[in-house]
PDB file of N, CA and C in Angstrom:
ATOM      1  N   UNK A   1       7.988 -17.495  14.454  1.00  0.00           N
ATOM      2  CA  UNK A   1       6.807 -17.067  13.723  1.00  0.00           C
ATOM      3  C   UNK A   1       6.829 -15.570  13.437  1.00  0.00           C
ATOM      4  N   UNK A   2       7.244 -14.785  14.428  1.00  0.00           N
ATOM      5  CA  UNK A   2       7.276 -13.342  14.226  1.00  0.00           C
ATOM      6  C   UNK A   2       8.209 -12.985  13.076  1.00  0.00           C
ATOM      7  N   UNK A   3       9.380 -13.634  12.999  1.00  0.00           N
ATOM      8  CA  UNK A   3      10.329 -13.340  11.927  1.00  0.00           C
ATOM      9  C   UNK A   3       9.723 -13.630  10.563  1.00  0.00           C
ATOM     10  N   UNK A   4       8.994 -14.731  10.450  1.00  0.00           N
ATOM     11  CA  UNK A   4       8.349 -15.072   9.185  1.00  0.00           C
ATOM     12  C   UNK A   4       7.313 -14.016   8.797  1.00  0.00           C
ATOM     13  N   UNK A   5       6.533 -13.584   9.762  1.00  0.00           N
ATOM     14  CA  UNK A   5       5.519 -12.566   9.504  1.00  0.00           C
ATOM     15  C   UNK A   5       6.169 -11.223   9.146  1.00  0.00           C
ATOM     16  N   UNK A   6       7.242 -10.872   9.820  1.00  0.00           N
ATOM     17  CA  UNK A   6       7.955  -9.627   9.531  1.00  0.00           C
ATOM     18  C   UNK A   6       8.517  -9.665   8.110  1.00  0.00           C
ATOM     19  N   UNK A   7       9.144 -10.771   7.724  1.00  0.00           N
ATOM     20  CA  UNK A   7       9.670 -10.899   6.356  1.00  0.00           C
ATOM     21  C   UNK A   7       8.544 -10.794   5.331  1.00  0.00           C
ATOM     22  N   UNK A   8       7.422 -11.442   5.619  1.00  0.00           N
ATOM     23  CA  UNK A   8       6.273 -11.401   4.718  1.00  0.00           C
ATOM     24  C   UNK A   8       5.780  -9.959   4.549  1.00  0.00           C
ATOM     25  N   UNK A   9       5.598  -9.250   5.659  1.00  0.00           N
ATOM     26  CA  UNK A   9       5.102  -7.870   5.592  1.00  0.00           C
ATOM     27  C   UNK A   9       6.098  -6.954   4.887  1.00  0.00           C
ATOM     28  N   UNK A  10       7.384  -7.096   5.172  1.00  0.00           N
ATOM     29  CA  UNK A  10       8.388  -6.271   4.493  1.00  0.00           C
ATOM     30  C   UNK A  10       8.332  -6.485   2.982  1.00  0.00           C
ATOM     31  N   UNK A  11       8.175  -7.721   2.560  1.00  0.00           N
ATOM     32  CA  UNK A  11       8.093  -8.011   1.124  1.00  0.00           C
ATOM     33  C   UNK A  11       6.864  -7.368   0.496  1.00  0.00           C
ATOM     34  N   UNK A  12       5.708  -7.406   1.190  1.00  0.00           N
ATOM     35  CA  UNK A  12       4.498  -6.785   0.651  1.00  0.00           C
ATOM     36  C   UNK A  12       4.658  -5.277   0.588  1.00  0.00           C
ATOM     37  N   UNK A  13       5.260  -4.672   1.628  1.00  0.00           N
ATOM     38  CA  UNK A  13       5.469  -3.223   1.630  1.00  0.00           C
ATOM     39  C   UNK A  13       6.419  -2.819   0.509  1.00  0.00           C
ATOM     40  N   UNK A  14       7.471  -3.618   0.302  1.00  0.00           N
ATOM     41  CA  UNK A  14       8.406  -3.333  -0.791  1.00  0.00           C
ATOM     42  C   UNK A  14       7.703  -3.376  -2.144  1.00  0.00           C
ATOM     43  N   UNK A  15       6.853  -4.386  -2.345  1.00  0.00           N
ATOM     44  CA  UNK A  15       6.106  -4.501  -3.602  1.00  0.00           C
ATOM     45  C   UNK A  15       5.217  -3.279  -3.832  1.00  0.00           C
ATOM     46  N   UNK A  16       4.500  -2.903  -2.779  1.00  0.00           N
ATOM     47  CA  UNK A  16       3.573  -1.775  -2.890  1.00  0.00           C
ATOM     48  C   UNK A  16       4.321  -0.471  -3.169  1.00  0.00           C
ATOM     49  N   UNK A  17       5.422  -0.255  -2.469  1.00  0.00           N
ATOM     50  CA  UNK A  17       6.209   0.966  -2.663  1.00  0.00           C
ATOM     51  C   UNK A  17       6.825   0.992  -4.058  1.00  0.00           C
ATOM     52  N   UNK A  18       7.328  -0.145  -4.515  1.00  0.00           N
ATOM     53  CA  UNK A  18       7.926  -0.208  -5.853  1.00  0.00           C
ATOM     54  C   UNK A  18       6.890   0.137  -6.922  1.00  0.00           C
ATOM     55  N   UNK A  19       5.716  -0.426  -6.808  1.00  0.00           N
ATOM     56  CA  UNK A  19       4.658  -0.136  -7.779  1.00  0.00           C
ATOM     57  C   UNK A  19       4.273   1.347  -7.741  1.00  0.00           C
ATOM     58  N   UNK A  20       4.154   1.908  -6.547  1.00  0.00           N
ATOM     59  CA  UNK A  20       3.795   3.326  -6.424  1.00  0.00           C
ATOM     60  C   UNK A  20       4.867   4.211  -7.059  1.00  0.00           C
ATOM     61  N   UNK A  21       6.122   3.887  -6.827  1.00  0.00           N
ATOM     62  CA  UNK A  21       7.210   4.676  -7.419  1.00  0.00           C
ATOM     63  C   UNK A  21       7.170   4.600  -8.944  1.00  0.00           C
ATOM     64  N   UNK A  22       6.892   3.414  -9.485  1.00  0.00           N
ATOM     65  CA  UNK A  22       6.839   3.262 -10.935  1.00  0.00           C
ATOM     66  C   UNK A  22       5.635   3.984 -11.538  1.00  0.00           C
ATOM     67  N   UNK A  23       4.556   4.139 -10.777  1.00  0.00           N
ATOM     68  CA  UNK A  23       3.360   4.820 -11.281  1.00  0.00           C
ATOM     69  C   UNK A  23       3.527   6.332 -11.301  1.00  0.00           C
ATOM     70  N   UNK A  24       4.400   6.847 -10.471  1.00  0.00           N
ATOM     71  CA  UNK A  24       4.546   8.300 -10.392  1.00  0.00           C
ATOM     72  C   UNK A  24       5.537   8.843 -11.395  1.00  0.00           C
ATOM     73  N   UNK A  25       6.276   7.999 -12.037  1.00  0.00           N
ATOM     74  CA  UNK A  25       7.175   8.416 -13.105  1.00  0.00           C
ATOM     75  C   UNK A  25       8.058   9.587 -12.757  1.00  0.00           C
ATOM     76  N   UNK A  26       7.611  10.784 -13.090  1.00  0.00           N
ATOM     77  CA  UNK A  26       8.441  11.974 -12.899  1.00  0.00           C
ATOM     78  C   UNK A  26       8.084  12.772 -11.650  1.00  0.00           C
ATOM     79  N   UNK A  27       7.359  12.149 -10.719  1.00  0.00           N
ATOM     80  CA  UNK A  27       6.996  12.853  -9.488  1.00  0.00           C
ATOM     81  C   UNK A  27       6.072  14.025  -9.728  1.00  0.00           C
ATOM     82  N   UNK A  28       5.113  13.831 -10.622  1.00  0.00           N
ATOM     83  CA  UNK A  28       4.294  14.945 -11.114  1.00  0.00           C
ATOM     84  C   UNK A  28       3.258  15.455 -10.120  1.00  0.00           C
ATOM     85  N   UNK A  29       3.076  14.782  -9.010  1.00  0.00           N
ATOM     86  CA  UNK A  29       2.161  15.334  -8.022  1.00  0.00           C
ATOM     87  C   UNK A  29       0.947  14.485  -7.740  1.00  0.00           C
ATOM     88  N   UNK A  30       0.002  15.077  -7.062  1.00  0.00           N
ATOM     89  CA  UNK A  30      -1.171  14.381  -6.569  1.00  0.00           C
ATOM     90  C   UNK A  30      -2.167  14.096  -7.689  1.00  0.00           C
ATOM     91  N   UNK A  31      -2.736  12.910  -7.641  1.00  0.00           N
ATOM     92  CA  UNK A  31      -3.786  12.550  -8.575  1.00  0.00           C
ATOM     93  C   UNK A  31      -5.093  13.129  -8.036  1.00  0.00           C
ATOM     94  N   UNK A  32      -6.005  13.554  -8.898  1.00  0.00           N
ATOM     95  CA  UNK A  32      -7.270  14.104  -8.406  1.00  0.00           C
ATOM     96  C   UNK A  32      -8.427  13.682  -9.304  1.00  0.00           C
ATOM     97  N   UNK A  33      -9.592  13.390  -8.682  1.00  0.00           N
ATOM     98  CA  UNK A  33     -10.764  12.987  -9.452  1.00  0.00           C
ATOM     99  C   UNK A  33     -11.558  14.202  -9.913  1.00  0.00           C
ATOM    100  N   UNK A  34     -12.105  14.125 -11.113  1.00  0.00           N
ATOM    101  CA  UNK A  34     -13.004  15.144 -11.655  1.00  0.00           C
ATOM    102  C   UNK A  34     -14.107  14.400 -12.400  1.00  0.00           C
ATOM    103  N   UNK A  35     -15.204  14.147 -11.699  1.00  0.00           N
ATOM    104  CA  UNK A  35     -16.289  13.385 -12.321  1.00  0.00           C
ATOM    105  C   UNK A  35     -15.829  11.986 -12.665  1.00  0.00           C
ATOM    106  N   UNK A  36     -15.854  11.649 -13.950  1.00  0.00           N
ATOM    107  CA  UNK A  36     -15.441  10.310 -14.353  1.00  0.00           C
ATOM    108  C   UNK A  36     -14.001  10.283 -14.865  1.00  0.00           C
ATOM    109  N   UNK A  37     -13.220  11.294 -14.492  1.00  0.00           N
ATOM    110  CA  UNK A  37     -11.841  11.421 -14.953  1.00  0.00           C
ATOM    111  C   UNK A  37     -10.908  11.522 -13.756  1.00  0.00           C
ATOM    112  N   UNK A  38      -9.731  10.945 -13.896  1.00  0.00           N
ATOM    113  CA  UNK A  38      -8.672  11.116 -12.905  1.00  0.00           C
ATOM    114  C   UNK A  38      -7.563  11.896 -13.591  1.00  0.00           C
ATOM    115  N   UNK A  39      -7.221  13.065 -13.028  1.00  0.00           N
ATOM    116  CA  UNK A  39      -6.140  13.885 -13.571  1.00  0.00           C
ATOM    117  C   UNK A  39      -4.838  13.526 -12.872  1.00  0.00           C
ATOM    118  N   UNK A  40      -3.819  13.264 -13.667  1.00  0.00           N
ATOM    119  CA  UNK A  40      -2.495  13.064 -13.109  1.00  0.00           C
ATOM    120  C   UNK A  40      -1.456  13.274 -14.201  1.00  0.00           C
ATOM    121  N   UNK A  41      -0.353  13.864 -13.813  1.00  0.00           N
ATOM    122  CA  UNK A  41       0.793  14.047 -14.707  1.00  0.00           C
ATOM    123  C   UNK A  41       0.413  14.663 -16.046  1.00  0.00           C
ATOM    124  N   UNK A  42      -0.383  15.700 -16.030  1.00  0.00           N
ATOM    125  CA  UNK A  42      -0.772  16.406 -17.250  1.00  0.00           C
ATOM    126  C   UNK A  42      -1.563  15.536 -18.224  1.00  0.00           C
ATOM    127  N   UNK A  43      -2.185  14.470 -17.727  1.00  0.00           N
ATOM    128  CA  UNK A  43      -2.991  13.590 -18.579  1.00  0.00           C
ATOM    129  C   UNK A  43      -4.263  13.227 -17.829  1.00  0.00           C
ATOM    130  N   UNK A  44      -5.269  12.823 -18.562  1.00  0.00           N
ATOM    131  CA  UNK A  44      -6.540  12.410 -17.962  1.00  0.00           C
ATOM    132  C   UNK A  44      -6.790  10.940 -18.251  1.00  0.00           C
ATOM    133  N   UNK A  45      -7.302  10.259 -17.256  1.00  0.00           N
ATOM    134  CA  UNK A  45      -7.861   8.925 -17.452  1.00  0.00           C
ATOM    135  C   UNK A  45      -9.361   9.112 -17.332  1.00  0.00           C
ATOM    136  N   UNK A  46     -10.094   8.872 -18.395  1.00  0.00           N
ATOM    137  CA  UNK A  46     -11.530   9.127 -18.339  1.00  0.00           C
ATOM    138  C   UNK A  46     -12.311   7.833 -18.507  1.00  0.00           C
ATOM    139  N   UNK A  47     -13.610   7.943 -18.309  1.00  0.00           N
ATOM    140  CA  UNK A  47     -14.512   6.822 -18.493  1.00  0.00           C
ATOM    141  C   UNK A  47     -14.788   6.023 -17.236  1.00  0.00           C
ATOM    142  N   UNK A  48     -14.327   6.503 -16.089  1.00  0.00           N
ATOM    143  CA  UNK A  48     -14.597   5.825 -14.833  1.00  0.00           C
ATOM    144  C   UNK A  48     -15.931   6.285 -14.259  1.00  0.00           C
ATOM    145  N   UNK A  49     -16.577   5.414 -13.504  1.00  0.00           N
ATOM    146  CA  UNK A  49     -17.679   5.861 -12.664  1.00  0.00           C
ATOM    147  C   UNK A  49     -17.053   6.834 -11.661  1.00  0.00           C
ATOM    148  N   UNK A  50     -17.727   7.923 -11.294  1.00  0.00           N
ATOM    149  CA  UNK A  50     -17.120   8.895 -10.367  1.00  0.00           C
ATOM    150  C   UNK A  50     -16.579   8.278  -9.079  1.00  0.00           C
ATOM    151  N   UNK A  51     -17.242   7.253  -8.565  1.00  0.00           N
ATOM    152  CA  UNK A  51     -16.747   6.599  -7.350  1.00  0.00           C
ATOM    153  C   UNK A  51     -15.417   5.903  -7.620  1.00  0.00           C
ATOM    154  N   UNK A  52     -15.295   5.270  -8.769  1.00  0.00           N
ATOM    155  CA  UNK A  52     -14.053   4.601  -9.131  1.00  0.00           C
ATOM    156  C   UNK A  52     -12.950   5.638  -9.350  1.00  0.00           C
ATOM    157  N   UNK A  53     -13.275   6.750  -9.995  1.00  0.00           N
ATOM    158  CA  UNK A  53     -12.291   7.809 -10.207  1.00  0.00           C
ATOM    159  C   UNK A  53     -11.760   8.316  -8.868  1.00  0.00           C
ATOM    160  N   UNK A  54     -12.638   8.496  -7.904  1.00  0.00           N
ATOM    161  CA  UNK A  54     -12.211   8.955  -6.577  1.00  0.00           C
ATOM    162  C   UNK A  54     -11.323   7.908  -5.917  1.00  0.00           C
ATOM    163  N   UNK A  55     -11.703   6.645  -6.035  1.00  0.00           N
ATOM    164  CA  UNK A  55     -10.902   5.565  -5.451  1.00  0.00           C
ATOM    165  C   UNK A  55      -9.496   5.555  -6.064  1.00  0.00           C
ATOM    166  N   UNK A  56      -9.417   5.667  -7.381  1.00  0.00           N
ATOM    167  CA  UNK A  56      -8.118   5.694  -8.055  1.00  0.00           C
ATOM    168  C   UNK A  56      -7.305   6.888  -7.563  1.00  0.00           C
ATOM    169  N   UNK A  57      -7.913   8.048  -7.503  1.00  0.00           N
ATOM    170  CA  UNK A  57      -7.205   9.255  -7.077  1.00  0.00           C
ATOM    171  C   UNK A  57      -6.724   9.150  -5.632  1.00  0.00           C
ATOM    172  N   UNK A  58      -7.485   8.478  -4.774  1.00  0.00           N
ATOM    173  CA  UNK A  58      -7.082   8.325  -3.371  1.00  0.00           C
ATOM    174  C   UNK A  58      -5.890   7.384  -3.219  1.00  0.00           C
ATOM    175  N   UNK A  59      -5.537   6.684  -4.275  1.00  0.00           N
ATOM    176  CA  UNK A  59      -4.397   5.773  -4.218  1.00  0.00           C
ATOM    177  C   UNK A  59      -3.239   6.290  -5.069  1.00  0.00           C
ATOM    178  N   UNK A  60      -3.110   7.610  -5.081  1.00  0.00           N
ATOM    179  CA  UNK A  60      -2.000   8.188  -5.838  1.00  0.00           C
ATOM    180  C   UNK A  60      -0.684   7.748  -5.213  1.00  0.00           C
ATOM    181  N   UNK A  61       0.380   7.673  -6.004  1.00  0.00           N
ATOM    182  CA  UNK A  61       1.651   7.136  -5.513  1.00  0.00           C
ATOM    183  C   UNK A  61       2.193   7.819  -4.265  1.00  0.00           C
ATOM    184  N   UNK A  62       2.073   9.114  -4.158  1.00  0.00           N
ATOM    185  CA  UNK A  62       2.601   9.813  -2.982  1.00  0.00           C
ATOM    186  C   UNK A  62       1.886   9.357  -1.711  1.00  0.00           C
ATOM    187  N   UNK A  63       0.570   9.209  -1.777  1.00  0.00           N
ATOM    188  CA  UNK A  63      -0.180   8.760  -0.602  1.00  0.00           C
ATOM    189  C   UNK A  63       0.159   7.313  -0.265  1.00  0.00           C
ATOM    190  N   UNK A  64       0.283   6.469  -1.279  1.00  0.00           N
ATOM    191  CA  UNK A  64       0.639   5.070  -1.049  1.00  0.00           C
ATOM    192  C   UNK A  64       2.007   4.980  -0.380  1.00  0.00           C
ATOM    193  N   UNK A  65       2.958   5.774  -0.835  1.00  0.00           N
ATOM    194  CA  UNK A  65       4.291   5.744  -0.222  1.00  0.00           C
ATOM    195  C   UNK A  65       4.252   6.216   1.233  1.00  0.00           C
ATOM    196  N   UNK A  66       3.427   7.212   1.539  1.00  0.00           N
ATOM    197  CA  UNK A  66       3.279   7.645   2.946  1.00  0.00           C
ATOM    198  C   UNK A  66       2.685   6.522   3.791  1.00  0.00           C
ATOM    199  N   UNK A  67       1.701   5.826   3.239  1.00  0.00           N
ATOM    200  CA  UNK A  67       1.081   4.703   3.958  1.00  0.00           C
ATOM    201  C   UNK A  67       2.098   3.592   4.210  1.00  0.00           C
ATOM    202  N   UNK A  68       2.881   3.260   3.207  1.00  0.00           N
ATOM    203  CA  UNK A  68       3.893   2.212   3.368  1.00  0.00           C
ATOM    204  C   UNK A  68       4.895   2.601   4.446  1.00  0.00           C
ATOM    205  N   UNK A  69       5.345   3.845   4.445  1.00  0.00           N
ATOM    206  CA  UNK A  69       6.299   4.286   5.465  1.00  0.00           C
ATOM    207  C   UNK A  69       5.693   4.220   6.868  1.00  0.00           C
ATOM    208  N   UNK A  70       4.432   4.584   7.010  1.00  0.00           N
ATOM    209  CA  UNK A  70       3.766   4.492   8.316  1.00  0.00           C
ATOM    210  C   UNK A  70       3.698   3.039   8.782  1.00  0.00           C
ATOM    211  N   UNK A  71       3.372   2.151   7.866  1.00  0.00           N
ATOM    212  CA  UNK A  71       3.307   0.727   8.221  1.00  0.00           C
ATOM    213  C   UNK A  71       4.683   0.171   8.554  1.00  0.00           C
ATOM    214  N   UNK A  72       5.710   0.640   7.868  1.00  0.00           N
ATOM    215  CA  UNK A  72       7.076   0.204   8.193  1.00  0.00           C
ATOM    216  C   UNK A  72       7.453   0.630   9.622  1.00  0.00           C
ATOM    217  N   UNK A  73       7.049   1.824  10.025  1.00  0.00           N
ATOM    218  CA  UNK A  73       7.342   2.279  11.393  1.00  0.00           C
ATOM    219  C   UNK A  73       6.622   1.405  12.417  1.00  0.00           C
ATOM    220  N   UNK A  74       5.366   1.055  12.144  1.00  0.00           N
ATOM    221  CA  UNK A  74       4.627   0.160  13.042  1.00  0.00           C
ATOM    222  C   UNK A  74       5.343  -1.179  13.122  1.00  0.00           C
ATOM    223  N   UNK A  75       5.730  -1.706  11.970  1.00  0.00           N
ATOM    224  CA  UNK A  75       6.428  -2.987  11.923  1.00  0.00           C
ATOM    225  C   UNK A  75       7.727  -2.929  12.721  1.00  0.00           C
ATOM    226  N   UNK A  76       8.478  -1.854  12.575  1.00  0.00           N
ATOM    227  CA  UNK A  76       9.746  -1.719  13.294  1.00  0.00           C
ATOM    228  C   UNK A  76       9.540  -1.712  14.809  1.00  0.00           C
ATOM    229  N   UNK A  77       8.456  -1.091  15.257  1.00  0.00           N
ATOM    230  CA  UNK A  77       8.190  -1.049  16.703  1.00  0.00           C
ATOM    231  C   UNK A  77       7.853  -2.420  17.263  1.00  0.00           C
ATOM    232  N   UNK A  78       7.327  -3.316  16.431  1.00  0.00           N
ATOM    233  CA  UNK A  78       6.844  -4.606  16.926  1.00  0.00           C
ATOM    234  C   UNK A  78       7.619  -5.806  16.398  1.00  0.00           C
ATOM    235  N   UNK A  79       8.611  -5.587  15.570  1.00  0.00           N
ATOM    236  CA  UNK A  79       9.301  -6.693  14.898  1.00  0.00           C
ATOM    237  C   UNK A  79      10.011  -7.635  15.862  1.00  0.00           C
ATOM    238  N   UNK A  80      10.363  -7.173  17.029  1.00  0.00           N
ATOM    239  CA  UNK A  80      11.100  -8.026  17.974  1.00  0.00           C
ATOM    240  C   UNK A  80      10.206  -8.642  19.046  1.00  0.00           C
ATOM    241  N   UNK A  81       8.905  -8.446  18.945  1.00  0.00           N
ATOM    242  CA  UNK A  81       7.996  -9.073  19.905  1.00  0.00           C
ATOM    243  C   UNK A  81       8.140 -10.586  19.797  1.00  0.00           C
ATOM    244  N   UNK A  82       8.045 -11.300  20.919  1.00  0.00           N
ATOM    245  CA  UNK A  82       8.241 -12.746  20.879  1.00  0.00           C
ATOM    246  C   UNK A  82       7.160 -13.478  20.064  1.00  0.00           C
ATOM    247  N   UNK A  83       6.015 -12.950  19.996  1.00  0.00           N
ATOM    248  CA  UNK A  83       4.929 -13.555  19.227  1.00  0.00           C
ATOM    249  C   UNK A  83       4.211 -12.425  18.511  1.00  0.00           C
ATOM    250  N   UNK A  84       3.733 -12.646  17.321  1.00  0.00           N
ATOM    251  CA  UNK A  84       3.090 -11.532  16.601  1.00  0.00           C
ATOM    252  C   UNK A  84       1.981 -10.886  17.431  1.00  0.00           C
ATOM    253  N   UNK A  85       2.141  -9.622  17.699  1.00  0.00           N
ATOM    254  CA  UNK A  85       1.130  -8.895  18.454  1.00  0.00           C
ATOM    255  C   UNK A  85      -0.071  -8.613  17.555  1.00  0.00           C
ATOM    256  N   UNK A  86      -1.090  -8.067  18.131  1.00  0.00           N
ATOM    257  CA  UNK A  86      -2.316  -7.779  17.381  1.00  0.00           C
ATOM    258  C   UNK A  86      -2.066  -6.789  16.246  1.00  0.00           C
ATOM    259  N   UNK A  87      -1.162  -5.830  16.457  1.00  0.00           N
ATOM    260  CA  UNK A  87      -0.878  -4.852  15.402  1.00  0.00           C
ATOM    261  C   UNK A  87      -0.288  -5.527  14.165  1.00  0.00           C
ATOM    262  N   UNK A  88       0.680  -6.430  14.363  1.00  0.00           N
ATOM    263  CA  UNK A  88       1.263  -7.126  13.206  1.00  0.00           C
ATOM    264  C   UNK A  88       0.240  -8.028  12.530  1.00  0.00           C
ATOM    265  N   UNK A  89      -0.565  -8.681  13.322  1.00  0.00           N
ATOM    266  CA  UNK A  89      -1.606  -9.529  12.727  1.00  0.00           C
ATOM    267  C   UNK A  89      -2.603  -8.687  11.928  1.00  0.00           C
ATOM    268  N   UNK A  90      -2.938  -7.512  12.447  1.00  0.00           N
ATOM    269  CA  UNK A  90      -3.848  -6.625  11.711  1.00  0.00           C
ATOM    270  C   UNK A  90      -3.215  -6.158  10.405  1.00  0.00           C
ATOM    271  N   UNK A  91      -1.922  -5.792  10.432  1.00  0.00           N
ATOM    272  CA  UNK A  91      -1.240  -5.382   9.205  1.00  0.00           C
ATOM    273  C   UNK A  91      -1.234  -6.521   8.187  1.00  0.00           C
ATOM    274  N   UNK A  92      -1.019  -7.733   8.666  1.00  0.00           N
ATOM    275  CA  UNK A  92      -0.950  -8.888   7.772  1.00  0.00           C
ATOM    276  C   UNK A  92      -2.317  -9.307   7.253  1.00  0.00           C
ATOM    277  N   UNK A  93      -3.372  -9.025   7.974  1.00  0.00           N
ATOM    278  CA  UNK A  93      -4.707  -9.519   7.601  1.00  0.00           C
ATOM    279  C   UNK A  93      -5.161  -9.040   6.228  1.00  0.00           C
ATOM    280  N   UNK A  94      -4.649  -7.908   5.770  1.00  0.00           N
ATOM    281  CA  UNK A  94      -5.020  -7.412   4.448  1.00  0.00           C
ATOM    282  C   UNK A  94      -4.494  -8.315   3.332  1.00  0.00           C
ATOM    283  N   UNK A  95      -3.540  -9.162   3.649  1.00  0.00           N
ATOM    284  CA  UNK A  95      -2.902 -10.011   2.640  1.00  0.00           C
ATOM    285  C   UNK A  95      -3.280 -11.485   2.775  1.00  0.00           C
ATOM    286  N   UNK A  96      -4.360 -11.798   3.450  1.00  0.00           N
ATOM    287  CA  UNK A  96      -4.712 -13.190   3.723  1.00  0.00           C
ATOM    288  C   UNK A  96      -4.776 -14.063   2.483  1.00  0.00           C
ATOM    289  N   UNK A  97      -5.174 -13.543   1.350  1.00  0.00           N
ATOM    290  CA  UNK A  97      -5.273 -14.351   0.147  1.00  0.00           C
ATOM    291  C   UNK A  97      -3.968 -14.499  -0.616  1.00  0.00           C
ATOM    292  N   UNK A  98      -2.897 -13.868  -0.138  1.00  0.00           N
ATOM    293  CA  UNK A  98      -1.612 -13.926  -0.832  1.00  0.00           C
ATOM    294  C   UNK A  98      -1.019 -15.332  -0.716  1.00  0.00           C
ATOM    295  N   UNK A  99      -0.439 -15.865  -1.802  1.00  0.00           N
ATOM    296  CA  UNK A  99       0.096 -17.235  -1.749  1.00  0.00           C
ATOM    297  C   UNK A  99       1.223 -17.424  -0.745  1.00  0.00           C
ATOM    298  N   UNK A 100       1.933 -16.374  -0.380  1.00  0.00           N
ATOM    299  CA  UNK A 100       3.029 -16.493   0.590  1.00  0.00           C
ATOM    300  C   UNK A 100       2.600 -16.181   2.023  1.00  0.00           C
ATOM    301  N   UNK A 101       1.299 -15.991   2.241  1.00  0.00           N
ATOM    302  CA  UNK A 101       0.819 -15.644   3.581  1.00  0.00           C
ATOM    303  C   UNK A 101       1.220 -16.726   4.563  1.00  0.00           C
ATOM    304  N   UNK A 102       1.869 -16.337   5.680  1.00  0.00           N
ATOM    305  CA  UNK A 102       2.285 -17.351   6.668  1.00  0.00           C
ATOM    306  C   UNK A 102       1.091 -18.110   7.226  1.00  0.00           C
ATOM    307  N   UNK A 103       1.210 -19.396   7.256  1.00  0.00           N
ATOM    308  CA  UNK A 103       0.072 -20.232   7.675  1.00  0.00           C
ATOM    309  C   UNK A 103      -0.288 -20.042   9.135  1.00  0.00           C
ATOM    310  N   UNK A 104       0.680 -19.666   9.965  1.00  0.00           N
ATOM    311  CA  UNK A 104       0.385 -19.493  11.392  1.00  0.00           C
ATOM    312  C   UNK A 104       0.166 -18.048  11.789  1.00  0.00           C
ATOM    313  N   UNK A 105      -0.062 -17.171  10.846  1.00  0.00           N
ATOM    314  CA  UNK A 105      -0.286 -15.776  11.181  1.00  0.00           C
ATOM    315  C   UNK A 105      -1.656 -15.645  11.768  1.00  0.00           C
TER     316      UNK A 105
END
């Protein structure tokens, strides 16, 4: 069961990291909210509610990649546990609605 959960989590982390890398294009830096606009890569995305703009900015590719790397380190520390520990189950819980979610997680 642990191996299945580890494979599942690695696949989700890979997906998230790949998407973040594709969103950052030229590595232009941190996204930042300004009212109803999100500034990134010398361009503005406008028309957001300020709360949504902040949410978008908080998920800039660099931060997402740092989060994925932190989760990979947690996974590496627990990947050989005989049964999924609480940490792995907590990491997996964010993906409960995913079609590949392990049934015994």
